[in-house]
Amino acid sequence: MNLLFPPPQEYFFTWLHDMLAEMPEVSELHPVPDAHVPVLGFKINGVSIDLLYANLAHAVIPEVCLFYSIAA
């Protein structure tokens, strides 16, 4: 699991969607922007990905935040 600080939601579902749609290795691209937790679902090289969108309540992220990447 990785933590990503995304752009505003409208860019997530327009710019990122359009970028992924142009990639030949991406298939089954389906945005669900009105879900309780907005998600952009797709397969990349046959691997299913659900990319969740979440707003943060902070305008600035403190430097003391620790970020972990967990390989499952």
N, C-alpha and C. Protein backbone atom coordinates (compact mmCIF):
# COMPACT_ATOMS: atom_id res chain seq x y z
N MET A 1 0.85 -1.17 0.00
CA MET A 1 0.00 0.00 0.00
C MET A 1 0.89 1.22 0.00
N ASN A 2 0.56 2.19 -0.83
CA ASN A 2 1.30 3.44 -0.87
C ASN A 2 0.37 4.60 -0.61
N LEU A 3 0.89 5.63 0.00
CA LEU A 3 0.14 6.86 0.23
C LEU A 3 0.54 7.86 -0.84
N LEU A 4 -0.46 8.43 -1.48
CA LEU A 4 -0.22 9.38 -2.56
C LEU A 4 -1.02 10.64 -2.28
N PHE A 5 -0.39 11.79 -2.41
CA PHE A 5 -1.10 13.05 -2.23
C PHE A 5 -1.58 13.49 -3.60
N PRO A 6 -2.86 13.29 -3.87
CA PRO A 6 -3.36 13.54 -5.22
C PRO A 6 -3.71 14.99 -5.46
N PRO A 7 -3.91 15.31 -6.73
CA PRO A 7 -4.42 16.64 -7.09
C PRO A 7 -5.90 16.71 -6.74
N PRO A 8 -6.53 17.85 -6.96
CA PRO A 8 -7.97 17.94 -6.71
C PRO A 8 -8.74 16.83 -7.45
N GLN A 9 -9.89 16.46 -6.93
CA GLN A 9 -10.65 15.33 -7.47
C GLN A 9 -10.97 15.47 -8.95
N GLU A 10 -11.26 16.69 -9.41
CA GLU A 10 -11.60 16.83 -10.83
C GLU A 10 -10.43 16.47 -11.74
N TYR A 11 -9.19 16.67 -11.29
CA TYR A 11 -8.03 16.26 -12.08
C TYR A 11 -7.82 14.76 -12.00
N PHE A 12 -8.12 14.19 -10.85
CA PHE A 12 -7.98 12.75 -10.65
C PHE A 12 -8.84 12.00 -11.67
N PHE A 13 -10.06 12.47 -11.89
CA PHE A 13 -10.98 11.77 -12.77
C PHE A 13 -10.98 12.30 -14.21
N THR A 14 -10.20 13.31 -14.52
CA THR A 14 -10.10 13.76 -15.90
C THR A 14 -8.67 13.53 -16.41
N TRP A 15 -7.72 14.24 -15.85
CA TRP A 15 -6.35 14.15 -16.34
C TRP A 15 -5.77 12.75 -16.17
N LEU A 16 -5.88 12.18 -14.98
CA LEU A 16 -5.33 10.84 -14.74
C LEU A 16 -6.07 9.80 -15.56
N HIS A 17 -7.39 9.91 -15.62
CA HIS A 17 -8.18 8.98 -16.44
C HIS A 17 -7.73 9.03 -17.89
N ASP A 18 -7.60 10.24 -18.44
CA ASP A 18 -7.19 10.39 -19.84
C ASP A 18 -5.79 9.84 -20.08
N MET A 19 -4.89 10.06 -19.14
CA MET A 19 -3.53 9.57 -19.26
C MET A 19 -3.53 8.03 -19.28
N LEU A 20 -4.28 7.42 -18.36
CA LEU A 20 -4.34 5.96 -18.30
C LEU A 20 -5.01 5.38 -19.55
N ALA A 21 -6.04 6.07 -20.06
CA ALA A 21 -6.76 5.58 -21.24
C ALA A 21 -5.86 5.49 -22.47
N GLU A 22 -4.81 6.30 -22.52
CA GLU A 22 -3.89 6.29 -23.66
C GLU A 22 -2.83 5.19 -23.57
N MET A 23 -2.72 4.56 -22.42
CA MET A 23 -1.68 3.54 -22.23
C MET A 23 -2.18 2.19 -22.74
N PRO A 24 -1.45 1.55 -23.65
CA PRO A 24 -1.90 0.28 -24.21
C PRO A 24 -1.97 -0.85 -23.19
N GLU A 25 -1.19 -0.77 -22.12
CA GLU A 25 -1.20 -1.83 -21.12
C GLU A 25 -2.35 -1.71 -20.13
N VAL A 26 -3.14 -0.62 -20.22
CA VAL A 26 -4.28 -0.41 -19.32
C VAL A 26 -5.57 -0.84 -20.01
N SER A 27 -6.38 -1.63 -19.29
CA SER A 27 -7.68 -2.06 -19.81
C SER A 27 -8.72 -1.94 -18.70
N GLU A 28 -9.97 -2.09 -19.09
CA GLU A 28 -11.10 -2.07 -18.14
C GLU A 28 -11.08 -0.85 -17.23
N LEU A 29 -10.80 0.30 -17.79
CA LEU A 29 -10.73 1.56 -17.05
C LEU A 29 -12.13 2.05 -16.74
N HIS A 30 -12.46 2.17 -15.45
CA HIS A 30 -13.80 2.63 -15.07
C HIS A 30 -13.73 3.51 -13.82
N PRO A 31 -14.01 4.80 -14.01
CA PRO A 31 -14.04 5.73 -12.88
C PRO A 31 -15.39 5.66 -12.17
N VAL A 32 -15.35 5.81 -10.84
CA VAL A 32 -16.58 5.89 -10.04
C VAL A 32 -16.43 7.10 -9.11
N PRO A 33 -16.58 8.32 -9.67
CA PRO A 33 -16.33 9.52 -8.88
C PRO A 33 -17.40 9.83 -7.83
N ASP A 34 -18.60 9.29 -7.99
CA ASP A 34 -19.68 9.59 -7.06
C ASP A 34 -19.85 8.56 -5.95
N ALA A 35 -18.94 7.61 -5.87
CA ALA A 35 -19.00 6.60 -4.80
C ALA A 35 -18.69 7.26 -3.46
N HIS A 36 -19.06 6.57 -2.37
CA HIS A 36 -18.74 7.10 -1.03
C HIS A 36 -17.24 7.35 -0.90
N VAL A 37 -16.45 6.42 -1.40
CA VAL A 37 -15.00 6.62 -1.55
C VAL A 37 -14.73 6.56 -3.05
N PRO A 38 -14.50 7.71 -3.68
CA PRO A 38 -14.28 7.72 -5.13
C PRO A 38 -13.11 6.82 -5.53
N VAL A 39 -13.30 6.10 -6.64
CA VAL A 39 -12.30 5.12 -7.06
C VAL A 39 -12.14 5.16 -8.57
N LEU A 40 -10.93 4.88 -9.00
CA LEU A 40 -10.62 4.72 -10.42
C LEU A 40 -10.12 3.28 -10.55
N GLY A 41 -10.94 2.43 -11.15
CA GLY A 41 -10.58 1.02 -11.28
C GLY A 41 -10.05 0.74 -12.67
N PHE A 42 -9.06 -0.14 -12.76
CA PHE A 42 -8.49 -0.51 -14.06
C PHE A 42 -7.62 -1.74 -13.90
N LYS A 43 -7.24 -2.30 -15.02
CA LYS A 43 -6.24 -3.36 -15.04
C LYS A 43 -5.04 -2.85 -15.80
N ILE A 44 -3.87 -3.13 -15.27
CA ILE A 44 -2.64 -2.78 -15.95
C ILE A 44 -1.82 -4.07 -16.09
N ASN A 45 -1.56 -4.44 -17.31
CA ASN A 45 -0.89 -5.71 -17.61
C ASN A 45 -1.60 -6.88 -16.92
N GLY A 46 -2.93 -6.83 -16.87
CA GLY A 46 -3.72 -7.92 -16.30
C GLY A 46 -3.90 -7.88 -14.80
N VAL A 47 -3.28 -6.93 -14.12
CA VAL A 47 -3.38 -6.81 -12.66
C VAL A 47 -4.44 -5.77 -12.31
N SER A 48 -5.44 -6.18 -11.52
CA SER A 48 -6.53 -5.27 -11.15
C SER A 48 -6.05 -4.25 -10.12
N ILE A 49 -6.39 -2.98 -10.36
CA ILE A 49 -6.02 -1.88 -9.48
C ILE A 49 -7.29 -1.09 -9.15
N ASP A 50 -7.50 -0.80 -7.89
CA ASP A 50 -8.53 0.14 -7.44
C ASP A 50 -7.79 1.30 -6.80
N LEU A 51 -7.73 2.43 -7.48
CA LEU A 51 -7.03 3.60 -7.00
C LEU A 51 -8.05 4.50 -6.31
N LEU A 52 -7.96 4.59 -4.99
CA LEU A 52 -8.93 5.34 -4.20
C LEU A 52 -8.53 6.80 -4.09
N TYR A 53 -9.55 7.67 -4.08
CA TYR A 53 -9.31 9.09 -3.91
C TYR A 53 -9.81 9.51 -2.53
N ALA A 54 -8.99 10.26 -1.81
CA ALA A 54 -9.40 10.77 -0.50
C ALA A 54 -8.87 12.19 -0.33
N ASN A 55 -9.72 13.05 0.20
CA ASN A 55 -9.31 14.41 0.54
C ASN A 55 -8.67 14.41 1.92
N LEU A 56 -7.68 15.26 2.08
CA LEU A 56 -7.08 15.45 3.40
C LEU A 56 -7.63 16.73 4.00
N ALA A 57 -7.79 16.74 5.31
CA ALA A 57 -8.34 17.91 5.99
C ALA A 57 -7.29 18.97 6.25
N HIS A 58 -6.08 18.79 5.76
CA HIS A 58 -4.98 19.73 6.02
C HIS A 58 -4.54 20.39 4.73
N ALA A 59 -4.31 21.68 4.79
CA ALA A 59 -3.77 22.40 3.63
C ALA A 59 -2.28 22.12 3.48
N VAL A 60 -1.61 21.84 4.59
CA VAL A 60 -0.18 21.56 4.60
C VAL A 60 0.05 20.27 5.38
N ILE A 61 0.86 19.40 4.84
CA ILE A 61 1.18 18.14 5.50
C ILE A 61 2.44 18.35 6.34
N PRO A 62 2.36 18.09 7.66
CA PRO A 62 3.53 18.30 8.52
C PRO A 62 4.70 17.40 8.10
N GLU A 63 5.90 17.92 8.26
CA GLU A 63 7.10 17.16 7.89
C GLU A 63 7.28 15.92 8.76
N VAL A 64 6.68 15.90 9.93
CA VAL A 64 6.88 14.77 10.84
C VAL A 64 6.09 13.54 10.43
N CYS A 65 5.26 13.65 9.40
CA CYS A 65 4.51 12.48 8.94
C CYS A 65 5.48 11.43 8.43
N LEU A 66 5.25 10.19 8.80
CA LEU A 66 6.06 9.09 8.31
C LEU A 66 5.24 8.33 7.27
N PHE A 67 5.88 7.92 6.22
CA PHE A 67 5.20 7.20 5.17
C PHE A 67 5.84 5.83 5.00
N TYR A 68 5.00 4.83 4.91
CA TYR A 68 5.48 3.46 4.79
C TYR A 68 4.93 2.85 3.51
N SER A 69 5.72 2.06 2.88
CA SER A 69 5.28 1.27 1.74
C SER A 69 5.25 -0.18 2.19
N ILE A 70 4.08 -0.79 2.10
CA ILE A 70 3.91 -2.15 2.59
C ILE A 70 3.67 -3.05 1.39
N ALA A 71 4.55 -3.99 1.16
CA ALA A 71 4.38 -4.95 0.07
C ALA A 71 3.59 -6.12 0.61
N ALA A 72 2.52 -6.45 -0.08
CA ALA A 72 1.66 -7.57 0.37
C ALA A 72 2.08 -8.83 -0.33
